[in-house]
Amino acid sequence: MFLAQHLQTLEGHSSSVWSVVFSHDSTQLASASHDNTVKIWDASNGDCLQTLEGHSDPVMSVAFSHDSTRLASASDDNTVKIWDASNGDCLQTLKCHSDSVTSVAFSHDSTQLASSSHDNTIKIWDASNGDCLEAEELGMQVMETSLKMLGEEHSDTLISMANLALTYQNM
């Protein structure tokens, strides 16, 4: 039996935490909360480095870019926000979903961002300018989306989970 050692407890949100993710360089953690905020934490000592405010409803998901310079957040306010992870500035607000956004994921090269929503769509965004590059209607609520590297070095595959269905899509 494997027993994990408790290292620290991060306290600071005023409501439930829905998502926690490490930066790819493992120096920071980000948390998404029902209190409408995202917090960035120092992974080594647990200090809260920044509180990102701007969503008007609960934040459901967070994801760091693979170079750990940006952070994306998905919210019940139907938006995705892209933040500068070093200073907390909101770089972009993506407003193309018509219902709660449930999940976000950066592509391996950090040039694209995928979002899934209760509006039954997955959308692919240009992470640098916020243009919606592609929208896929699934006909069912999408609960989670991730971009995984499968096969070739720069071949991203979109994996989405919708109710009991799992969808794979080459990018």
N, C-alpha and C. Protein backbone atom coordinates (compact mmCIF):
# COMPACT_ATOMS: atom_id res chain seq x y z
N MET A 1 0.84 -1.17 0.00
CA MET A 1 0.00 0.00 0.00
C MET A 1 0.89 1.24 0.00
N PHE A 2 0.59 2.19 -0.85
CA PHE A 2 1.33 3.44 -0.97
C PHE A 2 0.67 4.51 -0.11
N LEU A 3 1.42 5.12 0.78
CA LEU A 3 0.91 6.21 1.60
C LEU A 3 1.66 7.48 1.27
N ALA A 4 0.96 8.49 0.85
CA ALA A 4 1.58 9.77 0.51
C ALA A 4 1.80 10.59 1.77
N GLN A 5 2.87 11.33 1.77
CA GLN A 5 3.18 12.20 2.90
C GLN A 5 2.54 13.56 2.67
N HIS A 6 1.84 14.07 3.67
CA HIS A 6 1.22 15.39 3.59
C HIS A 6 2.32 16.45 3.72
N LEU A 7 2.45 17.31 2.71
CA LEU A 7 3.50 18.32 2.72
C LEU A 7 3.02 19.66 3.23
N GLN A 8 1.85 20.09 2.76
CA GLN A 8 1.32 21.37 3.20
C GLN A 8 -0.13 21.52 2.79
N THR A 9 -0.81 22.44 3.43
CA THR A 9 -2.20 22.78 3.10
C THR A 9 -2.20 24.23 2.64
N LEU A 10 -2.78 24.44 1.49
CA LEU A 10 -2.86 25.78 0.92
C LEU A 10 -4.22 26.37 1.26
N GLU A 11 -4.23 27.43 2.01
CA GLU A 11 -5.48 28.05 2.44
C GLU A 11 -5.56 29.47 1.91
N GLY A 12 -6.76 29.88 1.48
CA GLY A 12 -6.92 31.24 0.99
C GLY A 12 -8.21 31.46 0.22
N HIS A 13 -8.74 30.42 -0.40
CA HIS A 13 -10.02 30.56 -1.10
C HIS A 13 -11.14 30.63 -0.06
N SER A 14 -12.20 31.35 -0.41
CA SER A 14 -13.33 31.47 0.52
C SER A 14 -14.47 30.50 0.18
N SER A 15 -14.26 29.64 -0.81
CA SER A 15 -15.27 28.66 -1.19
C SER A 15 -14.57 27.43 -1.77
N SER A 16 -15.34 26.48 -2.26
CA SER A 16 -14.81 25.21 -2.78
C SER A 16 -13.80 25.42 -3.89
N VAL A 17 -12.80 24.56 -3.93
CA VAL A 17 -11.80 24.54 -5.00
C VAL A 17 -12.19 23.44 -5.97
N TRP A 18 -12.26 23.79 -7.27
CA TRP A 18 -12.71 22.85 -8.31
C TRP A 18 -11.56 22.23 -9.09
N SER A 19 -10.44 22.93 -9.15
CA SER A 19 -9.34 22.44 -9.99
C SER A 19 -8.02 22.93 -9.41
N VAL A 20 -7.01 22.05 -9.44
CA VAL A 20 -5.66 22.40 -9.03
C VAL A 20 -4.70 21.81 -10.06
N VAL A 21 -3.69 22.58 -10.45
CA VAL A 21 -2.73 22.10 -11.44
C VAL A 21 -1.35 22.66 -11.14
N PHE A 22 -0.32 21.85 -11.37
CA PHE A 22 1.07 22.31 -11.28
C PHE A 22 1.46 23.00 -12.58
N SER A 23 2.32 24.00 -12.49
CA SER A 23 2.96 24.54 -13.69
C SER A 23 3.89 23.46 -14.23
N HIS A 24 4.22 23.53 -15.51
CA HIS A 24 5.04 22.47 -16.11
C HIS A 24 6.48 22.50 -15.62
N ASP A 25 6.92 23.62 -15.07
CA ASP A 25 8.25 23.66 -14.47
C ASP A 25 8.21 23.32 -12.98
N SER A 26 7.01 22.97 -12.48
CA SER A 26 6.78 22.51 -11.10
C SER A 26 7.11 23.54 -10.02
N THR A 27 7.21 24.81 -10.37
CA THR A 27 7.51 25.83 -9.37
C THR A 27 6.26 26.47 -8.79
N GLN A 28 5.13 26.32 -9.49
CA GLN A 28 3.90 26.95 -9.03
C GLN A 28 2.73 25.98 -9.12
N LEU A 29 1.69 26.29 -8.36
CA LEU A 29 0.40 25.62 -8.44
C LEU A 29 -0.63 26.70 -8.75
N ALA A 30 -1.69 26.32 -9.42
CA ALA A 30 -2.82 27.22 -9.62
C ALA A 30 -4.07 26.49 -9.15
N SER A 31 -4.99 27.24 -8.55
CA SER A 31 -6.24 26.67 -8.08
C SER A 31 -7.41 27.51 -8.59
N ALA A 32 -8.49 26.84 -8.94
CA ALA A 32 -9.71 27.48 -9.43
C ALA A 32 -10.80 27.25 -8.39
N SER A 33 -11.57 28.30 -8.11
CA SER A 33 -12.51 28.19 -7.00
C SER A 33 -13.91 28.69 -7.32
N HIS A 34 -14.85 28.20 -6.51
CA HIS A 34 -16.23 28.65 -6.57
C HIS A 34 -16.36 30.10 -6.09
N ASP A 35 -15.29 30.66 -5.50
CA ASP A 35 -15.30 32.07 -5.07
C ASP A 35 -14.99 33.04 -6.22
N ASN A 36 -14.99 32.53 -7.45
CA ASN A 36 -14.79 33.30 -8.70
C ASN A 36 -13.34 33.72 -8.92
N THR A 37 -12.39 33.14 -8.18
CA THR A 37 -11.00 33.53 -8.33
C THR A 37 -10.11 32.35 -8.71
N VAL A 38 -8.93 32.72 -9.19
CA VAL A 38 -7.84 31.78 -9.41
C VAL A 38 -6.70 32.25 -8.52
N LYS A 39 -6.04 31.32 -7.87
CA LYS A 39 -4.87 31.68 -7.06
C LYS A 39 -3.66 30.95 -7.62
N ILE A 40 -2.52 31.65 -7.61
CA ILE A 40 -1.24 31.06 -7.99
C ILE A 40 -0.41 30.97 -6.72
N TRP A 41 0.13 29.78 -6.49
CA TRP A 41 0.84 29.46 -5.26
C TRP A 41 2.29 29.09 -5.56
N ASP A 42 3.18 29.38 -4.64
CA ASP A 42 4.56 28.91 -4.72
C ASP A 42 4.55 27.45 -4.28
N ALA A 43 4.99 26.55 -5.16
CA ALA A 43 4.90 25.12 -4.87
C ALA A 43 5.87 24.69 -3.77
N SER A 44 6.94 25.43 -3.56
CA SER A 44 7.92 25.01 -2.57
C SER A 44 7.53 25.37 -1.13
N ASN A 45 6.87 26.53 -0.95
CA ASN A 45 6.56 26.95 0.42
C ASN A 45 5.06 27.19 0.67
N GLY A 46 4.21 27.11 -0.38
CA GLY A 46 2.77 27.26 -0.21
C GLY A 46 2.27 28.67 -0.12
N ASP A 47 3.16 29.66 -0.31
CA ASP A 47 2.72 31.05 -0.27
C ASP A 47 1.82 31.38 -1.46
N CYS A 48 0.76 32.14 -1.21
CA CYS A 48 -0.08 32.62 -2.29
C CYS A 48 0.64 33.78 -2.96
N LEU A 49 0.98 33.62 -4.24
CA LEU A 49 1.71 34.65 -4.97
C LEU A 49 0.78 35.68 -5.58
N GLN A 50 -0.39 35.22 -6.05
CA GLN A 50 -1.34 36.12 -6.70
C GLN A 50 -2.75 35.58 -6.58
N THR A 51 -3.71 36.49 -6.53
CA THR A 51 -5.12 36.15 -6.65
C THR A 51 -5.62 36.84 -7.91
N LEU A 52 -6.10 36.04 -8.86
CA LEU A 52 -6.57 36.56 -10.14
C LEU A 52 -8.08 36.73 -10.09
N GLU A 53 -8.51 37.96 -10.22
CA GLU A 53 -9.93 38.29 -10.18
C GLU A 53 -10.37 38.81 -11.54
N GLY A 54 -11.58 38.50 -11.92
CA GLY A 54 -12.10 38.95 -13.20
C GLY A 54 -13.28 38.14 -13.68
N HIS A 55 -13.39 36.90 -13.22
CA HIS A 55 -14.56 36.09 -13.55
C HIS A 55 -15.72 36.52 -12.67
N SER A 56 -16.93 36.49 -13.23
CA SER A 56 -18.12 36.89 -12.47
C SER A 56 -18.87 35.70 -11.87
N ASP A 57 -18.42 34.50 -12.18
CA ASP A 57 -19.02 33.27 -11.65
C ASP A 57 -17.90 32.29 -11.30
N PRO A 58 -18.24 31.15 -10.68
CA PRO A 58 -17.21 30.20 -10.27
C PRO A 58 -16.27 29.78 -11.40
N VAL A 59 -15.01 29.56 -11.02
CA VAL A 59 -13.98 29.12 -11.96
C VAL A 59 -13.87 27.60 -11.84
N MET A 60 -14.02 26.90 -12.95
CA MET A 60 -14.13 25.45 -12.94
C MET A 60 -12.82 24.72 -13.25
N SER A 61 -11.93 25.37 -14.00
CA SER A 61 -10.73 24.68 -14.48
C SER A 61 -9.62 25.68 -14.72
N VAL A 62 -8.38 25.23 -14.50
CA VAL A 62 -7.20 26.04 -14.81
C VAL A 62 -6.17 25.16 -15.51
N ALA A 63 -5.34 25.78 -16.35
CA ALA A 63 -4.27 25.06 -17.03
C ALA A 63 -3.13 26.03 -17.31
N PHE A 64 -1.91 25.59 -17.02
CA PHE A 64 -0.72 26.37 -17.39
C PHE A 64 -0.33 26.04 -18.83
N SER A 65 0.21 27.03 -19.53
CA SER A 65 0.84 26.76 -20.82
C SER A 65 2.09 25.91 -20.54
N HIS A 66 2.56 25.21 -21.55
CA HIS A 66 3.69 24.30 -21.34
C HIS A 66 4.99 25.02 -21.04
N ASP A 67 5.08 26.30 -21.39
CA ASP A 67 6.26 27.08 -21.00
C ASP A 67 6.06 27.77 -19.65
N SER A 68 4.92 27.52 -19.03
CA SER A 68 4.56 28.03 -17.69
C SER A 68 4.47 29.55 -17.60
N THR A 69 4.36 30.25 -18.73
CA THR A 69 4.27 31.71 -18.70
C THR A 69 2.84 32.23 -18.67
N ARG A 70 1.89 31.39 -19.10
CA ARG A 70 0.49 31.79 -19.13
C ARG A 70 -0.36 30.77 -18.40
N LEU A 71 -1.52 31.24 -17.96
CA LEU A 71 -2.48 30.40 -17.26
C LEU A 71 -3.84 30.66 -17.88
N ALA A 72 -4.59 29.62 -18.18
CA ALA A 72 -5.95 29.76 -18.70
C ALA A 72 -6.93 29.33 -17.62
N SER A 73 -8.07 30.02 -17.56
CA SER A 73 -9.11 29.66 -16.60
C SER A 73 -10.45 29.57 -17.33
N ALA A 74 -11.26 28.60 -16.92
CA ALA A 74 -12.59 28.37 -17.49
C ALA A 74 -13.62 28.62 -16.41
N SER A 75 -14.72 29.31 -16.77
CA SER A 75 -15.67 29.72 -15.74
C SER A 75 -17.12 29.47 -16.13
N ASP A 76 -17.95 29.44 -15.08
CA ASP A 76 -19.40 29.39 -15.27
C ASP A 76 -19.95 30.67 -15.88
N ASP A 77 -19.12 31.73 -16.01
CA ASP A 77 -19.58 32.97 -16.65
C ASP A 77 -19.48 32.89 -18.17
N ASN A 78 -19.24 31.67 -18.71
CA ASN A 78 -19.19 31.37 -20.14
C ASN A 78 -17.93 31.87 -20.82
N THR A 79 -16.90 32.23 -20.05
CA THR A 79 -15.67 32.76 -20.65
C THR A 79 -14.46 31.92 -20.28
N VAL A 80 -13.43 32.11 -21.09
CA VAL A 80 -12.09 31.63 -20.81
C VAL A 80 -11.22 32.86 -20.70
N LYS A 81 -10.38 32.90 -19.68
CA LYS A 81 -9.43 34.00 -19.55
C LYS A 81 -8.02 33.44 -19.65
N ILE A 82 -7.15 34.20 -20.32
CA ILE A 82 -5.73 33.86 -20.38
C ILE A 82 -4.99 34.93 -19.61
N TRP A 83 -4.18 34.47 -18.64
CA TRP A 83 -3.49 35.35 -17.70
C TRP A 83 -1.97 35.24 -17.89
N ASP A 84 -1.28 36.33 -17.61
CA ASP A 84 0.18 36.30 -17.50
C ASP A 84 0.50 35.69 -16.14
N ALA A 85 1.18 34.55 -16.12
CA ALA A 85 1.42 33.85 -14.86
C ALA A 85 2.43 34.57 -13.97
N SER A 86 3.22 35.46 -14.52
CA SER A 86 4.23 36.13 -13.70
C SER A 86 3.69 37.36 -12.98
N ASN A 87 2.75 38.09 -13.62
CA ASN A 87 2.25 39.32 -12.98
C ASN A 87 0.74 39.33 -12.75
N GLY A 88 0.02 38.30 -13.23
CA GLY A 88 -1.41 38.20 -13.00
C GLY A 88 -2.29 39.04 -13.90
N ASP A 89 -1.70 39.70 -14.89
CA ASP A 89 -2.51 40.50 -15.82
C ASP A 89 -3.39 39.60 -16.67
N CYS A 90 -4.63 40.01 -16.88
CA CYS A 90 -5.51 39.29 -17.81
C CYS A 90 -5.13 39.72 -19.22
N LEU A 91 -4.63 38.78 -20.01
CA LEU A 91 -4.19 39.07 -21.37
C LEU A 91 -5.35 39.04 -22.37
N GLN A 92 -6.30 38.11 -22.15
CA GLN A 92 -7.42 37.96 -23.07
C GLN A 92 -8.62 37.37 -22.34
N THR A 93 -9.80 37.75 -22.80
CA THR A 93 -11.04 37.11 -22.37
C THR A 93 -11.72 36.58 -23.62
N LEU A 94 -11.91 35.27 -23.67
CA LEU A 94 -12.51 34.61 -24.83
C LEU A 94 -13.98 34.38 -24.53
N LYS A 95 -14.85 34.99 -25.35
CA LYS A 95 -16.30 34.98 -25.10
C LYS A 95 -17.05 34.33 -26.25
N CYS A 96 -16.86 33.07 -26.46
CA CYS A 96 -17.50 32.43 -27.60
C CYS A 96 -18.42 31.28 -27.20
N HIS A 97 -18.44 30.91 -25.92
CA HIS A 97 -19.34 29.84 -25.46
C HIS A 97 -20.66 30.46 -24.98
N SER A 98 -21.73 29.68 -25.09
CA SER A 98 -23.05 30.17 -24.67
C SER A 98 -23.51 29.56 -23.35
N ASP A 99 -22.63 28.78 -22.70
CA ASP A 99 -22.95 28.18 -21.40
C ASP A 99 -21.64 28.00 -20.64
N SER A 100 -21.72 27.47 -19.43
CA SER A 100 -20.55 27.31 -18.57
C SER A 100 -19.40 26.61 -19.29
N VAL A 101 -18.19 27.12 -19.10
CA VAL A 101 -17.00 26.50 -19.65
C VAL A 101 -16.43 25.59 -18.56
N THR A 102 -16.26 24.31 -18.89
CA THR A 102 -15.94 23.31 -17.87
C THR A 102 -14.47 22.96 -17.80
N SER A 103 -13.73 23.16 -18.88
CA SER A 103 -12.34 22.71 -18.89
C SER A 103 -11.54 23.46 -19.94
N VAL A 104 -10.25 23.64 -19.66
CA VAL A 104 -9.32 24.25 -20.62
C VAL A 104 -8.03 23.43 -20.64
N ALA A 105 -7.34 23.46 -21.80
CA ALA A 105 -6.05 22.78 -21.94
C ALA A 105 -5.26 23.43 -23.05
N PHE A 106 -3.98 23.68 -22.79
CA PHE A 106 -3.08 24.21 -23.82
C PHE A 106 -2.52 23.06 -24.65
N SER A 107 -2.24 23.35 -25.93
CA SER A 107 -1.51 22.40 -26.77
C SER A 107 -0.08 22.31 -26.26
N HIS A 108 0.62 21.28 -26.68
CA HIS A 108 1.98 21.05 -26.20
C HIS A 108 2.91 22.22 -26.53
N ASP A 109 2.72 22.84 -27.68
CA ASP A 109 3.58 23.98 -28.05
C ASP A 109 3.03 25.31 -27.56
N SER A 110 1.95 25.29 -26.80
CA SER A 110 1.33 26.47 -26.17
C SER A 110 0.75 27.47 -27.16
N THR A 111 0.60 27.11 -28.43
CA THR A 111 0.06 28.04 -29.42
C THR A 111 -1.46 27.98 -29.50
N GLN A 112 -2.05 26.87 -29.04
CA GLN A 112 -3.50 26.72 -29.10
C GLN A 112 -4.04 26.37 -27.71
N LEU A 113 -5.31 26.67 -27.54
CA LEU A 113 -6.01 26.39 -26.29
C LEU A 113 -7.33 25.72 -26.64
N ALA A 114 -7.64 24.65 -25.94
CA ALA A 114 -8.93 23.98 -26.13
C ALA A 114 -9.82 24.29 -24.93
N SER A 115 -11.10 24.49 -25.20
CA SER A 115 -12.07 24.68 -24.12
C SER A 115 -13.29 23.81 -24.38
N SER A 116 -13.88 23.31 -23.30
CA SER A 116 -15.11 22.54 -23.42
C SER A 116 -16.18 23.23 -22.59
N SER A 117 -17.44 23.01 -23.00
CA SER A 117 -18.52 23.77 -22.38
C SER A 117 -19.79 22.94 -22.28
N HIS A 118 -20.67 23.39 -21.36
CA HIS A 118 -22.00 22.81 -21.27
C HIS A 118 -22.88 23.20 -22.46
N ASP A 119 -22.37 24.04 -23.36
CA ASP A 119 -23.12 24.34 -24.59
C ASP A 119 -22.91 23.24 -25.65
N ASN A 120 -22.31 22.11 -25.23
CA ASN A 120 -22.10 20.92 -26.06
C ASN A 120 -21.02 21.10 -27.11
N THR A 121 -20.09 22.05 -26.90
CA THR A 121 -19.03 22.27 -27.87
C THR A 121 -17.66 22.18 -27.23
N ILE A 122 -16.71 21.88 -28.10
CA ILE A 122 -15.29 22.04 -27.80
C ILE A 122 -14.79 23.07 -28.80
N LYS A 123 -14.04 24.04 -28.31
CA LYS A 123 -13.51 25.08 -29.19
C LYS A 123 -12.00 25.11 -29.09
N ILE A 124 -11.38 25.36 -30.22
CA ILE A 124 -9.93 25.49 -30.30
C ILE A 124 -9.62 26.95 -30.62
N TRP A 125 -8.74 27.54 -29.81
CA TRP A 125 -8.43 28.96 -29.90
C TRP A 125 -6.97 29.16 -30.25
N ASP A 126 -6.67 30.24 -30.95
CA ASP A 126 -5.30 30.70 -31.11
C ASP A 126 -4.94 31.38 -29.79
N ALA A 127 -3.97 30.84 -29.06
CA ALA A 127 -3.65 31.34 -27.72
C ALA A 127 -2.98 32.70 -27.74
N SER A 128 -2.47 33.12 -28.90
CA SER A 128 -1.79 34.42 -28.94
C SER A 128 -2.74 35.57 -29.23
N ASN A 129 -3.77 35.33 -30.05
CA ASN A 129 -4.67 36.45 -30.40
C ASN A 129 -6.14 36.22 -30.02
N GLY A 130 -6.47 35.03 -29.51
CA GLY A 130 -7.82 34.76 -29.05
C GLY A 130 -8.82 34.40 -30.13
N ASP A 131 -8.36 34.22 -31.37
CA ASP A 131 -9.28 33.83 -32.45
C ASP A 131 -9.76 32.40 -32.24
N CYS A 132 -11.06 32.19 -32.45
CA CYS A 132 -11.62 30.84 -32.40
C CYS A 132 -11.30 30.17 -33.73
N LEU A 133 -10.47 29.12 -33.69
CA LEU A 133 -10.02 28.45 -34.91
C LEU A 133 -10.96 27.34 -35.35
N GLU A 134 -11.61 26.72 -34.37
CA GLU A 134 -12.47 25.58 -34.69
C GLU A 134 -13.47 25.38 -33.57
N ALA A 135 -14.68 24.98 -33.94
CA ALA A 135 -15.71 24.65 -32.97
C ALA A 135 -16.31 23.31 -33.36
N GLU A 136 -16.36 22.40 -32.42
CA GLU A 136 -16.89 21.07 -32.66
C GLU A 136 -18.14 20.87 -31.81
N GLU A 137 -19.28 20.66 -32.46
CA GLU A 137 -20.55 20.40 -31.77
C GLU A 137 -20.62 18.90 -31.48
N LEU A 138 -20.77 18.53 -30.20
CA LEU A 138 -20.78 17.13 -29.82
C LEU A 138 -22.18 16.59 -29.56
N GLY A 139 -23.16 17.46 -29.36
CA GLY A 139 -24.51 17.00 -29.12
C GLY A 139 -24.74 16.52 -27.69
N MET A 140 -23.76 16.72 -26.82
CA MET A 140 -23.90 16.37 -25.40
C MET A 140 -22.96 17.26 -24.61
N GLN A 141 -23.26 17.44 -23.33
CA GLN A 141 -22.42 18.29 -22.49
C GLN A 141 -21.03 17.70 -22.33
N VAL A 142 -20.02 18.56 -22.53
CA VAL A 142 -18.64 18.14 -22.41
C VAL A 142 -18.16 18.47 -21.01
N MET A 143 -17.66 17.47 -20.31
CA MET A 143 -17.25 17.65 -18.93
C MET A 143 -15.78 18.00 -18.78
N GLU A 144 -14.93 17.44 -19.65
CA GLU A 144 -13.50 17.67 -19.51
C GLU A 144 -12.83 17.56 -20.86
N THR A 145 -11.78 18.35 -21.05
CA THR A 145 -11.01 18.34 -22.28
C THR A 145 -9.54 18.36 -21.94
N SER A 146 -8.75 17.60 -22.67
CA SER A 146 -7.31 17.70 -22.51
C SER A 146 -6.63 17.52 -23.85
N LEU A 147 -5.49 18.14 -24.00
CA LEU A 147 -4.67 17.97 -25.20
C LEU A 147 -3.48 17.12 -24.80
N LYS A 148 -3.32 16.00 -25.45
CA LYS A 148 -2.24 15.08 -25.12
C LYS A 148 -1.38 14.85 -26.35
N MET A 149 -0.10 14.66 -26.13
CA MET A 149 0.82 14.33 -27.20
C MET A 149 0.77 12.83 -27.43
N LEU A 150 0.39 12.43 -28.61
CA LEU A 150 0.37 11.03 -28.97
C LEU A 150 1.13 10.88 -30.28
N GLY A 151 2.11 10.02 -30.30
CA GLY A 151 2.84 9.79 -31.54
C GLY A 151 3.90 10.83 -31.82
N GLU A 152 3.82 11.44 -33.00
CA GLU A 152 4.85 12.35 -33.48
C GLU A 152 5.07 13.52 -32.53
N GLU A 153 6.24 14.12 -32.62
CA GLU A 153 6.65 15.18 -31.69
C GLU A 153 5.67 16.33 -31.61
N HIS A 154 5.08 16.76 -32.70
CA HIS A 154 4.19 17.92 -32.68
C HIS A 154 2.76 17.56 -33.08
N SER A 155 2.35 16.34 -32.83
CA SER A 155 1.02 15.89 -33.18
C SER A 155 0.14 15.88 -31.94
N ASP A 156 -0.66 16.92 -31.78
CA ASP A 156 -1.56 16.99 -30.64
C ASP A 156 -2.85 16.26 -30.96
N THR A 157 -3.38 15.57 -29.97
CA THR A 157 -4.67 14.91 -30.08
C THR A 157 -5.57 15.44 -28.99
N LEU A 158 -6.76 15.85 -29.37
CA LEU A 158 -7.73 16.36 -28.42
C LEU A 158 -8.51 15.19 -27.86
N ILE A 159 -8.55 15.10 -26.54
CA ILE A 159 -9.31 14.05 -25.86
C ILE A 159 -10.38 14.74 -25.03
N SER A 160 -11.64 14.39 -25.26
CA SER A 160 -12.72 15.02 -24.51
C SER A 160 -13.61 13.96 -23.89
N MET A 161 -14.14 14.29 -22.72
CA MET A 161 -15.02 13.38 -22.01
C MET A 161 -16.39 14.04 -21.91
N ALA A 162 -17.39 13.40 -22.46
CA ALA A 162 -18.75 13.92 -22.44
C ALA A 162 -19.68 12.82 -21.96
N ASN A 163 -20.22 13.03 -20.76
CA ASN A 163 -21.08 12.01 -20.14
C ASN A 163 -20.37 10.65 -20.19
N LEU A 164 -20.84 9.72 -20.93
CA LEU A 164 -20.21 8.39 -21.00
C LEU A 164 -19.40 8.19 -22.26
N ALA A 165 -19.20 9.23 -23.06
CA ALA A 165 -18.48 9.11 -24.31
C ALA A 165 -17.09 9.72 -24.19
N LEU A 166 -16.12 9.12 -24.84
CA LEU A 166 -14.76 9.62 -24.91
C LEU A 166 -14.44 9.85 -26.38
N THR A 167 -14.00 11.06 -26.72
CA THR A 167 -13.76 11.42 -28.10
C THR A 167 -12.29 11.74 -28.32
N TYR A 168 -11.71 11.24 -29.41
CA TYR A 168 -10.34 11.58 -29.79
C TYR A 168 -10.40 12.32 -31.11
N GLN A 169 -9.61 13.37 -31.23
CA GLN A 169 -9.63 14.18 -32.45
C GLN A 169 -8.23 14.69 -32.71
N ASN A 170 -7.70 14.40 -33.91
CA ASN A 170 -6.38 14.92 -34.27
C ASN A 170 -6.47 16.40 -34.57
N MET A 171 -5.45 17.13 -34.17
CA MET A 171 -5.40 18.58 -34.36
C MET A 171 -4.55 18.88 -35.58
